[in-house]
Amino acid sequence: MRKMITFRNKKDTLSLQMERKSLLIIGICMVLILIASIAGTSVGNDFISPLNVLQTIFGLGAGDHDFVVLTLRLPRVLLSLLVGAALGMSGALLQGIIRNPLASPDVIGITGGAAVAAVGFVTLLGGTISIKLLPLFAIMGAMITAIIIYLLAWKKGVSPIRLVLIGIGVSAITGAGTTFMLILSPFYTAGQAYIWLTGSVYGASWTDVRTIIPVIVIVLPLAIWFARSLNAQEFGDDLATGLGVTVQRHRSALLLCSVLLAGAAVAVAGTIGFVGLIAPHIARKLVGRMFGSILIVSGLVGALLVFAADLIARTVFLPLDVPAGVFTAGVGAPFFLYLLFKNRNQF
């Protein structure tokens, strides 16, 4: 009896320590994001001091920097942070659902589905239907693709390697579909779509920010609520069911959350790759295995990753403005190969 009490006390102490560590990491990440927001708005073709940036944001400046700060730079910085957060959380949810470290919305084809739907919308319906419906089409494309992948991968359950391989195949198909749409589209539309498909927040506006914020605000609480079951699902579906978890319902709800986040991110910034793959791995290194903490930290890390990629893209190569997706792919592709090699014996 005394040993059981001692074990329980040690377990409670360890859980408390993990919670404190998670809160500390979340706090540090939020401070870094705040600093990044101000620093990112300061740099560009012309440097604006952080003090002037803050004065302009709060309406205390002389108005000299209003256009640059409020119209050009601040929406772009905020959009990069929001897109990164959405992709990071989407990847964390997928990796938790599938229990596969290689899973992410771009690797298994979900962002490809969103991309082909969005490009198809612009190519076939552009000018006839309001462009405000583009995010809806992107999310629908991501949802349909996710359902197709899941059905094709199902064979008395879903094998992780089967899901990844089928996802890669579907991603190739959606890529071909996107290319076909680009061929059909006018020259000027194809040029814009190419930059968007590479993944860029160039030309970000407050409309884009307002488009993605509601998705994150609505989905995040739902994801946190349903994600609690993923800690039990790590031990297998049978044990999770024995603990009272309705596995299929929770899994479907979490897949929906992941698709909504990925689709919204693709709709406003294009296919910025590998953020959903890298961010959850960094989060697990920082906060351990508790999925609620992993989800939040993945979003914060993803935000910082996309912000850093976009900051490098628009400052290091001036006067060129390189798509942020070039840098995330440059880091993410070798990381994916490393994970594939590391986990080769599990497949």
Protein backbone atom coordinates (compact mmCIF):
# COMPACT_ATOMS: atom_id res chain seq x y z
CA MET A 1 0.00 0.00 0.00
CA ARG A 2 2.79 2.38 0.95
CA LYS A 3 4.59 1.58 -2.31
CA MET A 4 1.45 2.36 -4.31
CA ILE A 5 1.05 5.72 -2.56
CA THR A 6 4.73 6.52 -3.14
CA PHE A 7 4.42 5.60 -6.84
CA ARG A 8 1.30 7.75 -7.19
CA ASN A 9 3.00 10.70 -5.50
CA LYS A 10 5.99 10.39 -7.83
CA LYS A 11 3.67 10.23 -10.82
CA ASP A 12 1.77 13.34 -9.70
CA THR A 13 5.05 15.18 -9.09
CA LEU A 14 6.32 14.22 -12.56
CA SER A 15 3.05 15.36 -14.17
CA LEU A 16 3.23 18.67 -12.32
CA GLN A 17 6.81 19.18 -13.45
CA MET A 18 5.84 18.45 -17.08
CA GLU A 19 2.94 20.92 -16.88
CA ARG A 20 5.21 23.61 -15.49
CA LYS A 21 7.79 22.90 -18.18
CA SER A 22 5.10 23.07 -20.87
CA LEU A 23 3.80 26.40 -19.55
CA LEU A 24 7.34 27.76 -19.47
CA ILE A 25 8.00 26.66 -23.08
CA ILE A 26 4.67 28.12 -24.22
CA GLY A 27 5.46 31.39 -22.46
CA ILE A 28 8.92 31.58 -24.06
CA CYS A 29 7.49 30.86 -27.52
CA MET A 30 4.83 33.56 -27.11
CA VAL A 31 7.45 36.10 -26.08
CA LEU A 32 9.55 35.14 -29.11
CA ILE A 33 6.50 35.57 -31.35
CA LEU A 34 5.83 39.01 -29.90
CA ILE A 35 9.44 40.04 -30.48
CA ALA A 36 9.32 38.53 -33.97
CA SER A 37 6.19 40.50 -34.83
CA ILE A 38 7.83 43.81 -33.98
CA ALA A 39 11.24 42.92 -35.46
CA GLY A 40 9.71 41.56 -38.65
CA THR A 41 7.68 44.72 -39.15
CA SER A 42 10.81 46.84 -38.64
CA VAL A 43 13.02 45.31 -41.33
CA GLY A 44 12.68 45.53 -45.08
CA ASN A 45 13.85 47.81 -47.86
CA ASP A 46 13.91 50.60 -45.29
CA PHE A 47 14.50 49.96 -41.60
CA ILE A 48 11.91 51.37 -39.22
CA SER A 49 12.82 51.43 -35.57
CA PRO A 50 10.77 49.15 -33.28
CA LEU A 51 9.65 52.23 -31.30
CA ASN A 52 8.22 53.82 -34.46
CA VAL A 53 6.56 50.51 -35.34
CA LEU A 54 4.83 50.36 -31.96
CA GLN A 55 3.78 54.00 -32.20
CA THR A 56 2.32 53.41 -35.66
CA ILE A 57 0.45 50.28 -34.58
CA PHE A 58 -1.15 52.06 -31.62
CA GLY A 59 -1.89 55.20 -33.63
CA LEU A 60 0.61 57.39 -31.80
CA GLY A 61 2.97 58.05 -34.72
CA ALA A 62 3.16 61.01 -37.06
CA GLY A 63 1.75 58.97 -39.93
CA ASP A 64 5.01 58.71 -41.87
CA HIS A 65 5.13 54.94 -41.68
CA ASP A 66 1.43 54.08 -41.70
CA PHE A 67 1.33 52.62 -45.21
CA VAL A 68 4.51 50.55 -44.90
CA VAL A 69 3.75 49.23 -41.42
CA LEU A 70 -0.02 48.79 -41.46
CA THR A 71 -0.60 47.89 -45.11
CA LEU A 72 2.55 46.12 -46.28
CA ARG A 73 4.53 44.61 -43.41
CA LEU A 74 2.27 43.94 -40.43
CA PRO A 75 -0.35 41.87 -42.33
CA ARG A 76 2.47 39.84 -43.88
CA VAL A 77 4.12 39.18 -40.52
CA LEU A 78 0.84 38.22 -38.87
CA LEU A 79 -0.18 36.02 -41.79
CA SER A 80 3.15 34.16 -41.72
CA LEU A 81 2.69 33.50 -38.00
CA LEU A 82 -0.93 32.35 -38.40
CA VAL A 83 -0.18 30.12 -41.39
CA GLY A 84 2.74 28.53 -39.56
CA ALA A 85 0.59 27.94 -36.49
CA ALA A 86 -2.15 26.31 -38.57
CA LEU A 87 0.30 24.03 -40.40
CA GLY A 88 2.15 23.10 -37.21
CA MET A 89 -1.05 22.13 -35.42
CA SER A 90 -2.38 20.30 -38.48
CA GLY A 91 0.80 18.22 -38.63
CA ALA A 92 0.69 17.47 -34.90
CA LEU A 93 -2.90 16.24 -35.21
CA LEU A 94 -2.07 14.00 -38.17
CA GLN A 95 0.96 12.50 -36.47
CA GLY A 96 -1.14 11.83 -33.38
CA ILE A 97 -4.01 10.27 -35.31
CA ILE A 98 -1.86 8.09 -37.54
CA ARG A 99 0.85 7.46 -34.92
CA ASN A 100 3.42 8.01 -37.66
CA PRO A 101 6.32 10.48 -37.39
CA LEU A 102 6.34 10.93 -41.18
CA ALA A 103 2.78 12.25 -41.38
CA SER A 104 2.10 15.87 -42.30
CA PRO A 105 -0.54 17.55 -44.47
CA ASP A 106 1.84 18.13 -47.38
CA VAL A 107 3.57 14.73 -47.28
CA ILE A 108 0.34 12.70 -47.41
CA GLY A 109 -1.32 14.94 -49.99
CA ILE A 110 -3.87 17.00 -48.06
CA THR A 111 -2.33 20.34 -49.00
CA GLY A 112 -2.06 19.07 -52.58
CA GLY A 113 -5.80 18.49 -52.59
CA ALA A 114 -6.39 21.99 -51.28
CA ALA A 115 -4.03 23.39 -53.92
CA VAL A 116 -5.65 21.66 -56.90
CA ALA A 117 -9.10 22.78 -55.72
CA ALA A 118 -7.93 26.37 -55.25
CA VAL A 119 -6.15 26.54 -58.62
CA GLY A 120 -9.15 24.92 -60.28
CA PHE A 121 -11.38 27.55 -58.71
CA VAL A 122 -9.19 30.39 -60.01
CA THR A 123 -8.79 28.83 -63.47
CA LEU A 124 -12.34 27.65 -64.15
CA LEU A 125 -14.47 29.95 -62.01
CA GLY A 126 -12.33 33.07 -61.68
CA GLY A 127 -14.36 36.17 -62.51
CA THR A 128 -17.69 34.37 -62.31
CA ILE A 129 -17.77 33.64 -58.55
CA SER A 130 -16.53 35.81 -55.70
CA ILE A 131 -12.88 35.22 -54.80
CA LYS A 132 -14.02 35.17 -51.16
CA LEU A 133 -15.13 31.56 -51.76
CA LEU A 134 -11.54 30.45 -52.49
CA PRO A 135 -10.86 29.34 -48.86
CA LEU A 136 -14.03 27.23 -48.92
CA PHE A 137 -12.93 25.48 -52.12
CA ALA A 138 -9.44 24.89 -50.71
CA ILE A 139 -10.86 23.33 -47.55
CA MET A 140 -13.28 21.18 -49.58
CA GLY A 141 -10.38 19.99 -51.74
CA ALA A 142 -8.35 19.10 -48.66
CA MET A 143 -11.33 17.27 -47.13
CA ILE A 144 -12.12 15.21 -50.24
CA THR A 145 -8.46 14.27 -50.64
CA ALA A 146 -8.19 13.21 -46.98
CA ILE A 147 -11.26 10.98 -47.33
CA ILE A 148 -9.90 9.36 -50.51
CA ILE A 149 -6.51 8.69 -48.89
CA TYR A 150 -8.13 7.20 -45.79
CA LEU A 151 -10.40 4.92 -47.81
CA LEU A 152 -7.59 3.73 -50.08
CA ALA A 153 -5.36 3.04 -47.07
CA TRP A 154 -8.03 1.07 -45.21
CA LYS A 155 -7.50 -2.68 -45.10
CA LYS A 156 -8.72 -4.09 -41.80
CA GLY A 157 -7.36 -0.91 -40.31
CA VAL A 158 -4.94 1.71 -41.53
CA SER A 159 -1.26 0.81 -41.71
CA PRO A 160 1.00 3.86 -41.16
CA ILE A 161 3.34 3.04 -44.03
CA ARG A 162 0.39 2.30 -46.35
CA LEU A 163 -1.19 5.63 -45.48
CA VAL A 164 2.05 7.54 -46.14
CA LEU A 165 2.76 5.75 -49.42
CA ILE A 166 -0.78 6.20 -50.71
CA GLY A 167 -0.66 9.82 -49.57
CA ILE A 168 2.53 10.39 -51.55
CA GLY A 169 0.88 8.83 -54.60
CA VAL A 170 -2.24 10.97 -54.23
CA SER A 171 -0.02 14.01 -53.74
CA ALA A 172 1.63 13.27 -57.09
CA ILE A 173 -1.80 13.00 -58.73
CA THR A 174 -2.97 16.29 -57.27
CA GLY A 175 0.30 17.87 -58.40
CA ALA A 176 -0.39 16.69 -61.94
CA GLY A 177 -3.93 18.06 -61.70
CA THR A 178 -2.61 21.41 -60.52
CA THR A 179 -0.13 21.55 -63.42
CA PHE A 180 -2.95 20.77 -65.86
CA MET A 181 -5.01 23.61 -64.42
CA LEU A 182 -2.06 25.97 -64.81
CA ILE A 183 -1.74 25.02 -68.48
CA LEU A 184 -5.40 25.88 -69.02
CA SER A 185 -5.16 29.20 -67.16
CA PRO A 186 -4.17 32.56 -68.71
CA PHE A 187 -0.48 33.51 -68.61
CA TYR A 188 -0.81 36.14 -65.89
CA THR A 189 -2.88 33.81 -63.70
CA ALA A 190 -0.33 31.02 -64.14
CA GLY A 191 2.50 33.29 -63.00
CA GLN A 192 0.64 34.29 -59.85
CA ALA A 193 -0.41 30.69 -59.16
CA TYR A 194 3.17 29.45 -59.52
CA ILE A 195 4.38 31.77 -56.75
CA TRP A 196 1.38 30.75 -54.62
CA LEU A 197 2.05 27.04 -55.18
CA THR A 198 5.66 27.47 -54.05
CA GLY A 199 4.29 28.87 -50.80
CA SER A 200 4.45 32.57 -50.14
CA VAL A 201 2.79 35.27 -48.03
CA TYR A 202 3.84 37.93 -50.54
CA GLY A 203 1.09 40.49 -50.98
CA ALA A 204 -0.59 39.52 -47.72
CA SER A 205 -3.56 41.66 -46.76
CA TRP A 206 -5.81 42.11 -43.75
CA THR A 207 -8.45 40.13 -45.67
CA ASP A 208 -6.14 37.11 -45.63
CA VAL A 209 -5.53 37.56 -41.90
CA ARG A 210 -9.26 37.80 -41.24
CA THR A 211 -9.83 34.68 -43.34
CA ILE A 212 -7.57 32.36 -41.35
CA ILE A 213 -8.12 33.73 -37.82
CA PRO A 214 -11.72 32.40 -37.43
CA VAL A 215 -10.62 28.91 -38.51
CA ILE A 216 -7.87 28.80 -35.88
CA VAL A 217 -10.08 30.31 -33.18
CA ILE A 218 -12.88 27.79 -33.81
CA VAL A 219 -10.76 24.69 -34.48
CA LEU A 220 -8.15 25.06 -31.71
CA PRO A 221 -10.52 24.55 -28.72
CA LEU A 222 -12.16 21.59 -30.48
CA ALA A 223 -8.76 20.07 -31.28
CA ILE A 224 -7.58 20.47 -27.68
CA TRP A 225 -10.82 18.90 -26.40
CA PHE A 226 -10.66 15.84 -28.66
CA ALA A 227 -6.85 15.58 -28.55
CA ARG A 228 -6.97 14.42 -24.94
CA SER A 229 -7.93 10.99 -26.24
CA LEU A 230 -4.74 10.71 -28.29
CA ASN A 231 -2.73 10.07 -25.14
CA ALA A 232 -4.82 6.92 -24.65
CA GLN A 233 -4.80 6.00 -28.36
CA GLU A 234 -1.01 5.79 -28.30
CA PHE A 235 -1.41 2.49 -26.44
CA GLY A 236 -3.68 1.05 -29.14
CA ASP A 237 -7.34 1.28 -30.12
CA ASP A 238 -8.45 -1.61 -27.91
CA LEU A 239 -6.99 -0.14 -24.75
CA ALA A 240 -8.30 3.33 -25.60
CA THR A 241 -11.78 1.87 -26.10
CA GLY A 242 -11.48 0.08 -22.76
CA LEU A 243 -10.70 3.43 -21.15
CA GLY A 244 -13.96 4.85 -22.50
CA VAL A 245 -12.65 6.63 -25.62
CA THR A 246 -14.89 6.52 -28.69
CA VAL A 247 -11.88 6.10 -30.96
CA GLN A 248 -13.44 6.45 -34.40
CA ARG A 249 -15.52 9.50 -33.49
CA HIS A 250 -12.55 11.27 -31.92
CA ARG A 251 -10.28 10.29 -34.79
CA SER A 252 -12.75 11.63 -37.35
CA ALA A 253 -13.16 14.89 -35.43
CA LEU A 254 -9.39 15.36 -35.16
CA LEU A 255 -8.92 14.57 -38.86
CA LEU A 256 -11.54 17.21 -39.65
CA CYS A 257 -9.68 19.73 -37.47
CA SER A 258 -6.40 18.94 -39.23
CA VAL A 259 -7.94 19.31 -42.67
CA LEU A 260 -9.61 22.62 -41.79
CA LEU A 261 -6.33 24.06 -40.51
CA ALA A 262 -4.32 22.86 -43.51
CA GLY A 263 -6.96 23.98 -46.00
CA ALA A 264 -7.21 27.47 -44.51
CA ALA A 265 -3.41 27.83 -44.53
CA VAL A 266 -3.16 26.75 -48.17
CA ALA A 267 -6.00 29.08 -49.17
CA VAL A 268 -4.16 32.20 -47.98
CA ALA A 269 -0.49 31.28 -48.43
CA GLY A 270 -0.21 28.39 -50.86
CA THR A 271 1.62 25.16 -50.25
CA ILE A 272 4.33 25.98 -47.71
CA GLY A 273 5.81 22.55 -47.25
CA PHE A 274 7.21 20.51 -44.36
CA VAL A 275 6.21 22.88 -41.53
CA GLY A 276 3.61 20.35 -40.39
CA LEU A 277 6.33 17.69 -40.39
CA ILE A 278 9.07 19.57 -38.52
CA ALA A 279 7.11 21.54 -35.89
CA PRO A 280 5.60 18.54 -34.02
CA HIS A 281 9.01 16.87 -33.73
CA ILE A 282 10.51 20.01 -32.22
CA ALA A 283 7.50 20.30 -29.89
CA ARG A 284 7.94 16.72 -28.64
CA LYS A 285 11.59 17.43 -27.88
CA LEU A 286 10.56 20.49 -25.87
CA VAL A 287 7.51 19.30 -23.90
CA GLY A 288 7.48 15.49 -23.98
CA ARG A 289 4.57 13.24 -24.94
CA MET A 290 1.48 14.99 -23.50
CA PHE A 291 -0.52 15.72 -26.62
CA GLY A 292 -2.30 18.85 -25.43
CA SER A 293 1.03 20.56 -24.88
CA ILE A 294 2.44 19.16 -28.14
CA LEU A 295 -0.49 20.62 -30.09
CA ILE A 296 -0.07 24.15 -28.73
CA VAL A 297 3.73 24.17 -28.92
CA SER A 298 3.61 22.76 -32.46
CA GLY A 299 1.49 25.75 -33.46
CA LEU A 300 3.88 28.21 -31.84
CA VAL A 301 6.96 26.54 -33.34
CA GLY A 302 5.29 26.40 -36.75
CA ALA A 303 4.53 30.10 -36.50
CA LEU A 304 8.18 30.89 -35.80
CA LEU A 305 9.37 28.61 -38.63
CA VAL A 306 7.23 30.26 -41.32
CA PHE A 307 8.01 33.72 -39.96
CA ALA A 308 11.76 33.01 -40.08
CA ALA A 309 11.51 31.57 -43.60
CA ASP A 310 9.57 34.59 -44.85
CA LEU A 311 11.90 37.05 -43.09
CA ILE A 312 14.92 35.47 -44.80
CA ALA A 313 13.05 35.33 -48.11
CA ARG A 314 12.24 39.04 -48.20
CA THR A 315 15.38 40.53 -46.66
CA VAL A 316 18.46 38.45 -47.53
CA PHE A 317 17.93 38.49 -51.30
CA LEU A 318 16.78 42.08 -51.78
CA PRO A 319 15.45 43.36 -54.14
CA LEU A 320 14.14 39.84 -54.88
CA ASP A 321 11.29 38.45 -52.80
CA VAL A 322 11.78 34.69 -52.68
CA PRO A 323 8.78 32.50 -51.68
CA ALA A 324 9.04 31.29 -48.08
CA GLY A 325 8.21 27.75 -49.20
CA VAL A 326 11.61 27.49 -50.88
CA PHE A 327 13.33 27.68 -47.50
CA THR A 328 10.93 25.41 -45.60
CA ALA A 329 11.33 22.78 -48.36
CA GLY A 330 15.12 23.19 -48.27
CA VAL A 331 15.11 22.30 -44.58
CA GLY A 332 12.14 19.94 -44.55
CA ALA A 333 13.07 17.58 -47.40
CA PRO A 334 16.37 16.44 -45.81
CA PHE A 335 14.57 16.19 -42.46
CA PHE A 336 11.95 13.92 -44.03
CA LEU A 337 14.67 11.68 -45.48
CA TYR A 338 16.34 11.56 -42.06
CA LEU A 339 13.07 10.47 -40.41
CA LEU A 340 12.48 7.89 -43.12
CA PHE A 341 15.94 6.41 -42.54
CA LYS A 342 15.61 6.58 -38.74
CA ASN A 343 12.26 4.76 -38.71
CA ARG A 344 12.96 2.31 -41.56
CA ASN A 345 12.84 -0.74 -39.26
CA GLN A 346 9.31 0.15 -38.06
CA PHE A 347 7.82 -0.19 -41.51
